[in-house]
């Protein structure tokens, strides 16, 4: 995320973050559906119109954290070193995220991160809004991969792999394991998933012996 410059921009960024922090605290304490926009505005000490100037929907109060990663896969593809294939660059990027326990990979055991992911994964309206973010990311990634249906299919496959891996990692941690304990499995799962993307074949779905 690009840091805002100028006093006015920094003030707006602080207000944006303060409103979001208050909202997420309330959601985690009481549940997404049990907290109203009026509740959030009152707790953040802003008017409702002011809140909506920063966040178009109630869901965006939570999912702006995912928006910070918008277009990340496409940037990885565009900025990859010469001689490195797009899939290899994406694989390395995800592996690096696992190594630093980036929350977007699901491999982060900080209690607030685990609770945040639980909120997103178990709230229907948030899951639906997140799907829209993923569709937008898919379109941007497809454009970076090239023209044609093949690029769109590959973009959808890559982002589906990211989503499945992140959710699997989070679930293991939510079940009581640490990120350090899950890390070797998460790496192995990522390697296996990207290998299947490279081969284009999933042996577990073949008919017959």
N, C-alpha and C. Protein backbone atom coordinates (compact mmCIF):
# COMPACT_ATOMS: atom_id res chain seq x y z
N UNK A 1 0.85 -1.20 0.00
CA UNK A 1 0.00 0.00 0.00
C UNK A 1 0.88 1.24 0.00
N UNK A 2 0.63 2.21 -0.91
CA UNK A 2 1.43 3.41 -1.03
C UNK A 2 1.13 4.33 0.14
N UNK A 3 2.18 4.83 0.81
CA UNK A 3 1.99 5.73 1.93
C UNK A 3 1.49 7.08 1.42
N UNK A 4 0.45 7.65 2.07
CA UNK A 4 -0.04 8.95 1.65
C UNK A 4 0.96 10.04 1.95
N UNK A 5 1.00 11.05 1.11
CA UNK A 5 1.91 12.17 1.30
C UNK A 5 1.09 13.43 1.53
N UNK A 6 1.65 14.36 2.29
CA UNK A 6 0.95 15.59 2.58
C UNK A 6 0.12 15.46 3.85
N UNK A 7 -0.04 16.57 4.56
CA UNK A 7 -0.75 16.56 5.84
C UNK A 7 -2.20 16.12 5.67
N UNK A 8 -2.88 16.63 4.67
CA UNK A 8 -4.29 16.29 4.46
C UNK A 8 -4.45 14.80 4.17
N UNK A 9 -3.57 14.27 3.31
CA UNK A 9 -3.66 12.86 2.97
C UNK A 9 -3.38 11.98 4.17
N UNK A 10 -2.39 12.37 4.99
CA UNK A 10 -2.07 11.58 6.18
C UNK A 10 -3.22 11.61 7.19
N UNK A 11 -3.86 12.76 7.31
CA UNK A 11 -5.00 12.87 8.23
C UNK A 11 -6.15 11.98 7.76
N UNK A 12 -6.41 11.98 6.45
CA UNK A 12 -7.47 11.11 5.92
C UNK A 12 -7.12 9.64 6.14
N UNK A 13 -5.86 9.28 5.95
CA UNK A 13 -5.45 7.89 6.15
C UNK A 13 -5.63 7.48 7.61
N UNK A 14 -5.29 8.39 8.54
CA UNK A 14 -5.47 8.08 9.96
C UNK A 14 -6.94 7.90 10.31
N UNK A 15 -7.79 8.75 9.74
CA UNK A 15 -9.23 8.63 9.99
C UNK A 15 -9.76 7.32 9.43
N UNK A 16 -9.34 7.00 8.22
CA UNK A 16 -9.73 5.75 7.57
C UNK A 16 -9.37 4.56 8.45
N UNK A 17 -8.13 4.52 8.91
CA UNK A 17 -7.65 3.39 9.70
C UNK A 17 -8.33 3.34 11.07
N UNK A 18 -8.58 4.51 11.66
CA UNK A 18 -9.22 4.55 12.97
C UNK A 18 -10.65 4.01 12.90
N UNK A 19 -11.39 4.40 11.87
CA UNK A 19 -12.76 3.90 11.70
C UNK A 19 -12.75 2.39 11.51
N UNK A 20 -11.85 1.91 10.66
CA UNK A 20 -11.78 0.48 10.39
C UNK A 20 -11.39 -0.30 11.64
N UNK A 21 -10.45 0.21 12.41
CA UNK A 21 -10.03 -0.48 13.63
C UNK A 21 -11.17 -0.58 14.63
N UNK A 22 -11.92 0.49 14.78
CA UNK A 22 -13.08 0.46 15.69
C UNK A 22 -14.10 -0.56 15.20
N UNK A 23 -14.37 -0.55 13.89
CA UNK A 23 -15.36 -1.47 13.33
C UNK A 23 -14.96 -2.92 13.56
N UNK A 24 -13.72 -3.26 13.25
CA UNK A 24 -13.27 -4.64 13.39
C UNK A 24 -13.30 -5.07 14.85
N UNK A 25 -12.93 -4.17 15.76
CA UNK A 25 -13.00 -4.49 17.19
C UNK A 25 -14.42 -4.83 17.59
N UNK A 26 -15.38 -4.04 17.13
CA UNK A 26 -16.79 -4.30 17.44
C UNK A 26 -17.27 -5.60 16.81
N UNK A 27 -16.88 -5.83 15.56
CA UNK A 27 -17.30 -7.06 14.88
C UNK A 27 -16.77 -8.30 15.58
N UNK A 28 -15.51 -8.25 15.98
CA UNK A 28 -14.90 -9.40 16.65
C UNK A 28 -15.54 -9.65 18.01
N UNK A 29 -15.96 -8.58 18.66
CA UNK A 29 -16.55 -8.72 20.00
C UNK A 29 -18.01 -9.17 19.95
N UNK A 30 -18.75 -8.70 18.94
CA UNK A 30 -20.20 -8.93 18.94
C UNK A 30 -20.75 -9.67 17.73
N UNK A 31 -19.93 -9.80 16.68
CA UNK A 31 -20.40 -10.43 15.45
C UNK A 31 -20.75 -9.39 14.41
N UNK A 32 -20.48 -9.70 13.15
CA UNK A 32 -20.68 -8.74 12.08
C UNK A 32 -22.13 -8.29 11.97
N UNK A 33 -23.06 -9.24 12.00
CA UNK A 33 -24.47 -8.91 11.78
C UNK A 33 -25.10 -8.22 12.98
N UNK A 34 -24.46 -8.30 14.14
CA UNK A 34 -25.04 -7.70 15.34
C UNK A 34 -24.60 -6.25 15.54
N UNK A 35 -23.66 -5.78 14.73
CA UNK A 35 -23.16 -4.41 14.86
C UNK A 35 -23.66 -3.59 13.68
N UNK A 36 -24.27 -2.45 13.97
CA UNK A 36 -24.79 -1.59 12.90
C UNK A 36 -23.77 -0.52 12.52
N UNK A 37 -24.00 0.09 11.37
CA UNK A 37 -23.15 1.20 10.95
C UNK A 37 -23.27 2.35 11.94
N UNK A 38 -24.47 2.56 12.48
CA UNK A 38 -24.65 3.60 13.49
C UNK A 38 -23.79 3.33 14.72
N UNK A 39 -23.71 2.06 15.12
CA UNK A 39 -22.87 1.69 16.27
C UNK A 39 -21.41 2.06 16.00
N UNK A 40 -20.96 1.75 14.79
CA UNK A 40 -19.56 2.01 14.44
C UNK A 40 -19.28 3.51 14.40
N UNK A 41 -20.18 4.26 13.77
CA UNK A 41 -19.98 5.71 13.69
C UNK A 41 -19.93 6.34 15.08
N UNK A 42 -20.80 5.88 15.95
CA UNK A 42 -20.82 6.43 17.32
C UNK A 42 -19.53 6.10 18.05
N UNK A 43 -19.08 4.85 17.93
CA UNK A 43 -17.87 4.43 18.63
C UNK A 43 -16.63 5.13 18.07
N UNK A 44 -16.63 5.40 16.76
CA UNK A 44 -15.49 6.06 16.12
C UNK A 44 -15.57 7.58 16.22
N UNK A 45 -16.71 8.08 16.74
CA UNK A 45 -16.94 9.51 16.91
C UNK A 45 -16.89 10.25 15.58
N UNK A 46 -17.56 9.66 14.59
CA UNK A 46 -17.74 10.32 13.30
C UNK A 46 -19.21 10.21 12.92
N UNK A 47 -19.63 11.03 11.97
CA UNK A 47 -21.00 10.93 11.50
C UNK A 47 -21.14 9.77 10.53
N UNK A 48 -22.36 9.32 10.34
CA UNK A 48 -22.59 8.23 9.39
C UNK A 48 -22.19 8.64 7.97
N UNK A 49 -22.54 9.85 7.50
CA UNK A 49 -22.08 10.25 6.17
C UNK A 49 -20.56 10.26 6.04
N UNK A 50 -19.87 10.67 7.12
CA UNK A 50 -18.40 10.65 7.08
C UNK A 50 -17.89 9.23 6.93
N UNK A 51 -18.48 8.30 7.68
CA UNK A 51 -18.07 6.90 7.58
C UNK A 51 -18.20 6.41 6.14
N UNK A 52 -19.33 6.75 5.50
CA UNK A 52 -19.55 6.24 4.14
C UNK A 52 -18.69 6.97 3.10
N UNK A 53 -18.09 8.08 3.47
CA UNK A 53 -17.13 8.70 2.55
C UNK A 53 -15.84 7.88 2.49
N UNK A 54 -15.56 7.15 3.54
CA UNK A 54 -14.35 6.34 3.59
C UNK A 54 -14.61 4.88 3.18
N UNK A 55 -15.80 4.39 3.45
CA UNK A 55 -16.12 2.99 3.17
C UNK A 55 -17.50 2.92 2.52
N UNK A 56 -17.55 2.41 1.29
CA UNK A 56 -18.81 2.41 0.54
C UNK A 56 -19.84 1.47 1.15
N UNK A 57 -19.39 0.38 1.76
CA UNK A 57 -20.31 -0.60 2.35
C UNK A 57 -19.80 -1.02 3.72
N UNK A 58 -20.68 -1.60 4.49
CA UNK A 58 -20.30 -2.14 5.80
C UNK A 58 -19.23 -3.21 5.64
N UNK A 59 -19.35 -4.03 4.61
CA UNK A 59 -18.37 -5.10 4.38
C UNK A 59 -16.98 -4.55 4.12
N UNK A 60 -16.90 -3.39 3.48
CA UNK A 60 -15.59 -2.80 3.16
C UNK A 60 -14.83 -2.39 4.41
N UNK A 61 -15.54 -2.19 5.52
CA UNK A 61 -14.87 -1.88 6.78
C UNK A 61 -13.94 -3.01 7.21
N UNK A 62 -14.28 -4.22 6.80
CA UNK A 62 -13.46 -5.39 7.11
C UNK A 62 -12.51 -5.70 5.97
N UNK A 63 -13.03 -5.71 4.76
CA UNK A 63 -12.28 -6.27 3.64
C UNK A 63 -11.29 -5.29 3.00
N UNK A 64 -11.21 -4.07 3.53
CA UNK A 64 -10.19 -3.17 2.99
C UNK A 64 -8.80 -3.75 3.20
N UNK A 65 -8.65 -4.64 4.19
CA UNK A 65 -7.34 -5.26 4.41
C UNK A 65 -6.96 -6.16 3.23
N UNK A 66 -7.95 -6.79 2.62
CA UNK A 66 -7.69 -7.58 1.42
C UNK A 66 -7.46 -6.67 0.22
N UNK A 67 -8.15 -5.55 0.22
CA UNK A 67 -7.98 -4.62 -0.90
C UNK A 67 -6.56 -4.11 -0.99
N UNK A 68 -5.86 -4.08 0.17
CA UNK A 68 -4.46 -3.66 0.15
C UNK A 68 -3.61 -4.58 -0.72
N UNK A 69 -4.07 -5.82 -0.95
CA UNK A 69 -3.34 -6.78 -1.76
C UNK A 69 -3.88 -6.84 -3.20
N UNK A 70 -4.80 -5.94 -3.52
CA UNK A 70 -5.40 -5.97 -4.86
C UNK A 70 -4.34 -5.83 -5.94
N UNK A 71 -4.36 -6.74 -6.89
CA UNK A 71 -3.43 -6.68 -8.00
C UNK A 71 -2.05 -7.22 -7.69
N UNK A 72 -1.86 -7.79 -6.50
CA UNK A 72 -0.53 -8.24 -6.10
C UNK A 72 0.00 -9.34 -7.02
N UNK A 73 -0.83 -10.32 -7.35
CA UNK A 73 -0.38 -11.40 -8.23
C UNK A 73 0.01 -10.88 -9.60
N UNK A 74 -0.77 -9.94 -10.10
CA UNK A 74 -0.44 -9.35 -11.40
C UNK A 74 0.90 -8.62 -11.34
N UNK A 75 1.15 -7.91 -10.24
CA UNK A 75 2.44 -7.22 -10.10
C UNK A 75 3.60 -8.21 -10.05
N UNK A 76 3.38 -9.32 -9.37
CA UNK A 76 4.43 -10.35 -9.30
C UNK A 76 4.77 -10.84 -10.71
N UNK A 77 3.76 -11.05 -11.52
CA UNK A 77 3.98 -11.53 -12.89
C UNK A 77 4.69 -10.48 -13.73
N UNK A 78 4.23 -9.24 -13.64
CA UNK A 78 4.82 -8.18 -14.47
C UNK A 78 6.26 -7.88 -14.07
N UNK A 79 6.56 -8.00 -12.78
CA UNK A 79 7.89 -7.59 -12.29
C UNK A 79 8.84 -8.77 -12.10
N UNK A 80 8.48 -9.94 -12.59
CA UNK A 80 9.33 -11.12 -12.40
C UNK A 80 10.65 -10.95 -13.16
N UNK A 81 11.73 -11.56 -12.66
CA UNK A 81 13.01 -11.48 -13.35
C UNK A 81 12.97 -12.15 -14.72
N UNK A 82 13.85 -11.74 -15.57
CA UNK A 82 13.95 -12.35 -16.90
C UNK A 82 14.26 -13.84 -16.75
N UNK A 83 13.59 -14.64 -17.57
CA UNK A 83 13.83 -16.08 -17.55
C UNK A 83 12.99 -16.84 -16.54
N UNK A 84 12.22 -16.14 -15.73
CA UNK A 84 11.36 -16.79 -14.73
C UNK A 84 9.94 -16.81 -15.27
N UNK A 85 9.31 -17.99 -15.26
CA UNK A 85 7.95 -18.09 -15.77
C UNK A 85 6.98 -17.46 -14.79
N UNK A 86 5.80 -17.03 -15.26
CA UNK A 86 4.81 -16.46 -14.36
C UNK A 86 4.45 -17.39 -13.20
N UNK A 87 4.27 -18.67 -13.48
CA UNK A 87 3.86 -19.59 -12.43
C UNK A 87 4.96 -19.78 -11.39
N UNK A 88 6.20 -19.83 -11.84
CA UNK A 88 7.31 -19.93 -10.90
C UNK A 88 7.40 -18.69 -10.02
N UNK A 89 7.20 -17.52 -10.60
CA UNK A 89 7.23 -16.28 -9.82
C UNK A 89 6.12 -16.26 -8.78
N UNK A 90 4.93 -16.71 -9.16
CA UNK A 90 3.81 -16.73 -8.23
C UNK A 90 4.03 -17.76 -7.13
N UNK A 91 4.59 -18.89 -7.49
CA UNK A 91 4.91 -19.93 -6.50
C UNK A 91 5.91 -19.39 -5.49
N UNK A 92 6.97 -18.78 -5.96
CA UNK A 92 8.00 -18.23 -5.06
C UNK A 92 7.41 -17.16 -4.15
N UNK A 93 6.54 -16.34 -4.70
CA UNK A 93 5.93 -15.27 -3.92
C UNK A 93 5.07 -15.84 -2.79
N UNK A 94 4.30 -16.87 -3.10
CA UNK A 94 3.46 -17.48 -2.06
C UNK A 94 4.32 -18.15 -1.00
N UNK A 95 5.37 -18.84 -1.44
CA UNK A 95 6.28 -19.49 -0.49
C UNK A 95 6.93 -18.45 0.42
N UNK A 96 7.32 -17.31 -0.15
CA UNK A 96 7.92 -16.25 0.67
C UNK A 96 6.91 -15.73 1.69
N UNK A 97 5.65 -15.65 1.29
CA UNK A 97 4.61 -15.23 2.21
C UNK A 97 4.45 -16.22 3.36
N UNK A 98 4.54 -17.49 3.06
CA UNK A 98 4.49 -18.51 4.12
C UNK A 98 5.65 -18.34 5.09
N UNK A 99 6.84 -18.10 4.55
CA UNK A 99 8.04 -17.99 5.39
C UNK A 99 7.96 -16.81 6.35
N UNK A 100 7.30 -15.73 5.93
CA UNK A 100 7.19 -14.57 6.83
C UNK A 100 5.84 -14.52 7.55
N UNK A 101 5.07 -15.62 7.42
CA UNK A 101 3.78 -15.75 8.09
C UNK A 101 2.83 -14.59 7.73
N UNK A 102 2.81 -14.26 6.46
CA UNK A 102 1.92 -13.22 5.96
C UNK A 102 0.47 -13.66 6.20
N UNK A 103 -0.35 -12.83 6.85
CA UNK A 103 -1.74 -13.22 7.12
C UNK A 103 -2.52 -13.62 5.87
N UNK A 104 -2.17 -13.05 4.70
CA UNK A 104 -2.92 -13.36 3.50
C UNK A 104 -2.76 -14.82 3.08
N UNK A 105 -1.70 -15.50 3.57
CA UNK A 105 -1.51 -16.93 3.28
C UNK A 105 -2.26 -17.82 4.27
N UNK A 106 -2.86 -17.21 5.28
CA UNK A 106 -3.54 -17.99 6.31
C UNK A 106 -2.61 -18.53 7.38
N UNK A 107 -1.31 -18.41 7.18
CA UNK A 107 -0.33 -19.01 8.09
C UNK A 107 0.15 -17.96 9.10
N UNK A 108 -0.76 -17.53 9.95
CA UNK A 108 -0.43 -16.56 10.98
C UNK A 108 -1.28 -16.89 12.20
N UNK A 109 -0.61 -17.10 13.34
CA UNK A 109 -1.34 -17.55 14.52
C UNK A 109 -1.56 -16.46 15.56
N UNK A 110 -1.38 -15.20 15.17
CA UNK A 110 -1.73 -14.13 16.11
C UNK A 110 -3.23 -14.22 16.37
N UNK A 111 -3.66 -14.18 17.62
CA UNK A 111 -5.09 -14.36 17.94
C UNK A 111 -6.01 -13.43 17.17
N UNK A 112 -5.61 -12.16 16.97
CA UNK A 112 -6.47 -11.23 16.24
C UNK A 112 -6.58 -11.61 14.77
N UNK A 113 -5.49 -12.13 14.20
CA UNK A 113 -5.52 -12.54 12.80
C UNK A 113 -6.41 -13.77 12.62
N UNK A 114 -6.27 -14.74 13.52
CA UNK A 114 -7.10 -15.94 13.47
C UNK A 114 -8.58 -15.57 13.60
N UNK A 115 -8.87 -14.67 14.55
CA UNK A 115 -10.26 -14.24 14.75
C UNK A 115 -10.77 -13.46 13.55
N UNK A 116 -9.91 -12.65 12.94
CA UNK A 116 -10.30 -11.88 11.76
C UNK A 116 -10.68 -12.81 10.61
N UNK A 117 -9.85 -13.83 10.38
CA UNK A 117 -10.17 -14.77 9.31
C UNK A 117 -11.44 -15.56 9.61
N UNK A 118 -11.64 -15.90 10.86
CA UNK A 118 -12.89 -16.60 11.22
C UNK A 118 -14.09 -15.72 10.90
N UNK A 119 -13.98 -14.44 11.21
CA UNK A 119 -15.05 -13.49 10.91
C UNK A 119 -15.37 -13.48 9.42
N UNK A 120 -14.32 -13.41 8.61
CA UNK A 120 -14.52 -13.34 7.16
C UNK A 120 -15.09 -14.65 6.61
N UNK A 121 -14.50 -15.77 7.01
CA UNK A 121 -14.87 -17.06 6.44
C UNK A 121 -16.26 -17.54 6.89
N UNK A 122 -16.73 -17.05 8.04
CA UNK A 122 -18.01 -17.56 8.57
C UNK A 122 -19.15 -16.56 8.45
N UNK A 123 -18.91 -15.41 7.81
CA UNK A 123 -19.97 -14.42 7.61
C UNK A 123 -20.30 -14.38 6.12
N UNK A 124 -21.52 -14.75 5.78
CA UNK A 124 -21.90 -14.92 4.37
C UNK A 124 -21.69 -13.65 3.56
N UNK A 125 -22.09 -12.51 4.10
CA UNK A 125 -21.98 -11.27 3.32
C UNK A 125 -20.52 -10.89 3.09
N UNK A 126 -19.66 -11.19 4.05
CA UNK A 126 -18.24 -10.90 3.88
C UNK A 126 -17.61 -11.85 2.87
N UNK A 127 -17.98 -13.12 2.94
CA UNK A 127 -17.46 -14.10 1.97
C UNK A 127 -17.89 -13.73 0.55
N UNK A 128 -19.13 -13.26 0.41
CA UNK A 128 -19.61 -12.85 -0.90
C UNK A 128 -18.88 -11.64 -1.43
N UNK A 129 -18.63 -10.67 -0.56
CA UNK A 129 -17.90 -9.46 -0.97
C UNK A 129 -16.46 -9.81 -1.32
N UNK A 130 -15.86 -10.72 -0.55
CA UNK A 130 -14.50 -11.15 -0.84
C UNK A 130 -14.41 -11.79 -2.22
N UNK A 131 -15.44 -12.54 -2.59
CA UNK A 131 -15.46 -13.17 -3.91
C UNK A 131 -15.39 -12.11 -5.02
N UNK A 132 -16.00 -10.96 -4.79
CA UNK A 132 -15.94 -9.88 -5.78
C UNK A 132 -14.52 -9.34 -5.90
N UNK A 133 -13.82 -9.20 -4.78
CA UNK A 133 -12.42 -8.78 -4.82
C UNK A 133 -11.60 -9.77 -5.65
N UNK A 134 -11.86 -11.06 -5.44
CA UNK A 134 -11.10 -12.09 -6.14
C UNK A 134 -11.37 -12.06 -7.65
N UNK A 135 -12.60 -11.78 -8.03
CA UNK A 135 -12.92 -11.68 -9.45
C UNK A 135 -12.16 -10.52 -10.09
N UNK A 136 -12.11 -9.40 -9.37
CA UNK A 136 -11.35 -8.25 -9.88
C UNK A 136 -9.87 -8.59 -10.00
N UNK A 137 -9.33 -9.28 -9.00
CA UNK A 137 -7.93 -9.69 -9.05
C UNK A 137 -7.69 -10.66 -10.21
N UNK A 138 -8.66 -11.53 -10.44
CA UNK A 138 -8.54 -12.51 -11.52
C UNK A 138 -8.43 -11.80 -12.87
N UNK A 139 -9.21 -10.76 -13.07
CA UNK A 139 -9.19 -10.03 -14.33
C UNK A 139 -7.84 -9.33 -14.54
N UNK A 140 -7.31 -8.75 -13.47
CA UNK A 140 -6.03 -8.06 -13.57
C UNK A 140 -4.90 -9.05 -13.82
N UNK A 141 -4.94 -10.19 -13.13
CA UNK A 141 -3.91 -11.21 -13.33
C UNK A 141 -3.98 -11.77 -14.74
N UNK A 142 -5.18 -12.02 -15.24
CA UNK A 142 -5.33 -12.55 -16.59
C UNK A 142 -4.72 -11.59 -17.62
N UNK A 143 -4.92 -10.30 -17.42
CA UNK A 143 -4.35 -9.32 -18.34
C UNK A 143 -2.82 -9.35 -18.30
N UNK A 144 -2.26 -9.62 -17.11
CA UNK A 144 -0.80 -9.69 -16.99
C UNK A 144 -0.25 -10.96 -17.63
N UNK A 145 -1.05 -12.03 -17.63
CA UNK A 145 -0.60 -13.31 -18.18
C UNK A 145 -0.68 -13.34 -19.70
N UNK A 146 -1.55 -12.52 -20.29
CA UNK A 146 -1.63 -12.49 -21.74
C UNK A 146 -3.05 -12.58 -22.24
N UNK A 147 -3.23 -12.52 -23.55
CA UNK A 147 -4.58 -12.56 -24.12
C UNK A 147 -5.12 -13.98 -24.20
N UNK A 148 -6.43 -14.05 -24.39
CA UNK A 148 -7.03 -15.35 -24.66
C UNK A 148 -7.62 -16.03 -23.43
N UNK A 149 -8.41 -17.06 -23.70
CA UNK A 149 -9.10 -17.79 -22.65
C UNK A 149 -8.11 -18.54 -21.77
N UNK A 150 -6.97 -18.95 -22.34
CA UNK A 150 -5.99 -19.69 -21.54
C UNK A 150 -5.49 -18.85 -20.37
N UNK A 151 -5.25 -17.56 -20.61
CA UNK A 151 -4.78 -16.68 -19.55
C UNK A 151 -5.85 -16.51 -18.47
N UNK A 152 -7.10 -16.40 -18.88
CA UNK A 152 -8.18 -16.25 -17.91
C UNK A 152 -8.34 -17.51 -17.07
N UNK A 153 -8.24 -18.67 -17.71
CA UNK A 153 -8.35 -19.92 -16.98
C UNK A 153 -7.20 -20.07 -15.99
N UNK A 154 -5.99 -19.73 -16.42
CA UNK A 154 -4.85 -19.87 -15.53
C UNK A 154 -4.95 -18.90 -14.35
N UNK A 155 -5.41 -17.69 -14.62
CA UNK A 155 -5.59 -16.72 -13.53
C UNK A 155 -6.59 -17.23 -12.51
N UNK A 156 -7.69 -17.79 -12.98
CA UNK A 156 -8.70 -18.33 -12.06
C UNK A 156 -8.13 -19.49 -11.25
N UNK A 157 -7.33 -20.32 -11.89
CA UNK A 157 -6.73 -21.47 -11.20
C UNK A 157 -5.76 -21.01 -10.11
N UNK A 158 -4.93 -20.03 -10.44
CA UNK A 158 -3.94 -19.55 -9.47
C UNK A 158 -4.62 -18.97 -8.24
N UNK A 159 -5.63 -18.13 -8.46
CA UNK A 159 -6.28 -17.49 -7.32
C UNK A 159 -7.11 -18.49 -6.52
N UNK A 160 -7.64 -19.51 -7.19
CA UNK A 160 -8.33 -20.57 -6.46
C UNK A 160 -7.36 -21.32 -5.56
N UNK A 161 -6.15 -21.58 -6.07
CA UNK A 161 -5.11 -22.23 -5.27
C UNK A 161 -4.77 -21.37 -4.06
N UNK A 162 -4.58 -20.08 -4.25
CA UNK A 162 -4.30 -19.17 -3.13
C UNK A 162 -5.39 -19.27 -2.07
N UNK A 163 -6.64 -19.22 -2.52
CA UNK A 163 -7.77 -19.22 -1.59
C UNK A 163 -7.84 -20.53 -0.81
N UNK A 164 -7.69 -21.65 -1.50
CA UNK A 164 -7.79 -22.95 -0.84
C UNK A 164 -6.64 -23.16 0.14
N UNK A 165 -5.44 -22.80 -0.27
CA UNK A 165 -4.28 -22.95 0.61
C UNK A 165 -4.42 -22.08 1.86
N UNK A 166 -4.84 -20.83 1.67
CA UNK A 166 -4.98 -19.92 2.82
C UNK A 166 -6.02 -20.42 3.79
N UNK A 167 -7.13 -20.91 3.27
CA UNK A 167 -8.18 -21.39 4.16
C UNK A 167 -7.73 -22.66 4.90
N UNK A 168 -7.03 -23.54 4.21
CA UNK A 168 -6.53 -24.76 4.85
C UNK A 168 -5.55 -24.43 5.96
N UNK A 169 -4.65 -23.48 5.70
CA UNK A 169 -3.69 -23.08 6.72
C UNK A 169 -4.39 -22.48 7.93
N UNK A 170 -5.34 -21.58 7.66
CA UNK A 170 -6.08 -20.97 8.77
C UNK A 170 -6.81 -22.01 9.60
N UNK A 171 -7.44 -22.99 8.93
CA UNK A 171 -8.23 -23.99 9.66
C UNK A 171 -7.35 -24.80 10.61
N UNK A 172 -6.15 -25.15 10.16
CA UNK A 172 -5.24 -25.91 11.02
C UNK A 172 -4.85 -25.10 12.26
N UNK A 173 -4.64 -23.81 12.07
CA UNK A 173 -4.29 -22.95 13.20
C UNK A 173 -5.50 -22.74 14.10
N UNK A 174 -6.68 -22.55 13.49
CA UNK A 174 -7.90 -22.39 14.28
C UNK A 174 -8.19 -23.63 15.11
N UNK A 175 -7.73 -24.78 14.64
CA UNK A 175 -7.93 -26.03 15.37
C UNK A 175 -6.94 -26.21 16.52
N UNK A 176 -6.01 -25.24 16.68
CA UNK A 176 -5.16 -25.26 17.86
C UNK A 176 -3.67 -25.42 17.63
N UNK A 177 -3.22 -25.49 16.37
CA UNK A 177 -1.79 -25.63 16.11
C UNK A 177 -1.16 -24.27 15.90
N UNK A 178 0.16 -24.20 16.02
CA UNK A 178 0.87 -22.94 15.80
C UNK A 178 1.27 -22.82 14.33
N UNK A 179 1.57 -21.59 13.94
CA UNK A 179 2.03 -21.35 12.57
C UNK A 179 3.33 -22.10 12.30
N UNK A 180 4.20 -22.16 13.30
CA UNK A 180 5.47 -22.87 13.15
C UNK A 180 5.22 -24.36 12.91
N UNK A 181 4.26 -24.93 13.61
CA UNK A 181 3.95 -26.36 13.43
C UNK A 181 3.35 -26.63 12.06
N UNK A 182 2.53 -25.72 11.57
CA UNK A 182 1.83 -25.93 10.30
C UNK A 182 2.73 -25.62 9.11
N UNK A 183 3.76 -24.81 9.30
CA UNK A 183 4.57 -24.31 8.19
C UNK A 183 5.06 -25.41 7.25
N UNK A 184 5.66 -26.52 7.72
CA UNK A 184 6.14 -27.54 6.77
C UNK A 184 5.01 -28.10 5.90
N UNK A 185 3.84 -28.32 6.48
CA UNK A 185 2.71 -28.83 5.70
C UNK A 185 2.23 -27.78 4.70
N UNK A 186 2.23 -26.52 5.13
CA UNK A 186 1.78 -25.45 4.25
C UNK A 186 2.71 -25.33 3.03
N UNK A 187 4.00 -25.45 3.26
CA UNK A 187 4.97 -25.41 2.15
C UNK A 187 4.75 -26.59 1.22
N UNK A 188 4.59 -27.79 1.79
CA UNK A 188 4.38 -28.99 0.97
C UNK A 188 3.09 -28.87 0.17
N UNK A 189 2.04 -28.35 0.79
CA UNK A 189 0.76 -28.17 0.08
C UNK A 189 0.91 -27.18 -1.06
N UNK A 190 1.64 -26.10 -0.81
CA UNK A 190 1.83 -25.10 -1.86
C UNK A 190 2.64 -25.67 -3.02
N UNK A 191 3.69 -26.42 -2.70
CA UNK A 191 4.51 -27.03 -3.75
C UNK A 191 3.68 -28.00 -4.59
N UNK A 192 2.86 -28.78 -3.91
CA UNK A 192 2.02 -29.76 -4.62
C UNK A 192 1.00 -29.05 -5.50
N UNK A 193 0.39 -28.00 -4.98
CA UNK A 193 -0.64 -27.29 -5.73
C UNK A 193 -0.06 -26.63 -6.98
N UNK A 194 1.09 -26.00 -6.84
CA UNK A 194 1.68 -25.34 -8.01
C UNK A 194 2.24 -26.36 -9.00
N UNK A 195 2.67 -27.51 -8.50
CA UNK A 195 3.10 -28.57 -9.42
C UNK A 195 1.93 -29.04 -10.27
N UNK A 196 0.77 -29.15 -9.67
CA UNK A 196 -0.42 -29.56 -10.42
C UNK A 196 -0.81 -28.49 -11.44
N UNK A 197 -0.64 -27.22 -11.07
CA UNK A 197 -0.93 -26.16 -12.03
C UNK A 197 0.02 -26.24 -13.23
N UNK A 198 1.29 -26.56 -12.96
CA UNK A 198 2.25 -26.65 -14.06
C UNK A 198 1.92 -27.82 -14.99
N UNK A 199 1.54 -28.94 -14.39
CA UNK A 199 1.27 -30.13 -15.22
C UNK A 199 -0.11 -30.05 -15.86
N UNK A 200 -1.01 -29.29 -15.24
CA UNK A 200 -2.37 -29.23 -15.76
C UNK A 200 -3.16 -30.48 -15.52
N UNK A 201 -2.64 -31.37 -14.66
CA UNK A 201 -3.31 -32.65 -14.42
C UNK A 201 -3.41 -32.87 -12.92
N UNK A 202 -4.60 -33.25 -12.47
CA UNK A 202 -4.80 -33.63 -11.07
C UNK A 202 -5.08 -35.13 -11.06
N UNK A 203 -4.11 -35.90 -10.63
CA UNK A 203 -4.26 -37.36 -10.66
C UNK A 203 -5.41 -37.84 -9.81
N UNK A 204 -5.82 -37.05 -8.81
CA UNK A 204 -6.88 -37.52 -7.92
C UNK A 204 -8.24 -37.49 -8.59
N UNK A 205 -8.35 -36.86 -9.77
CA UNK A 205 -9.65 -36.76 -10.42
C UNK A 205 -9.76 -37.67 -11.63
N UNK A 206 -8.76 -38.50 -11.89
CA UNK A 206 -8.81 -39.37 -13.06
C UNK A 206 -9.82 -40.49 -12.83
N UNK A 207 -10.47 -40.85 -13.91
CA UNK A 207 -11.40 -41.98 -13.84
C UNK A 207 -10.61 -43.28 -13.94
N UNK A 208 -11.05 -44.26 -13.19
CA UNK A 208 -10.43 -45.59 -13.31
C UNK A 208 -9.18 -45.69 -12.49
N UNK A 209 -8.53 -46.87 -12.47
CA UNK A 209 -7.33 -47.11 -11.69
C UNK A 209 -6.12 -46.39 -12.27
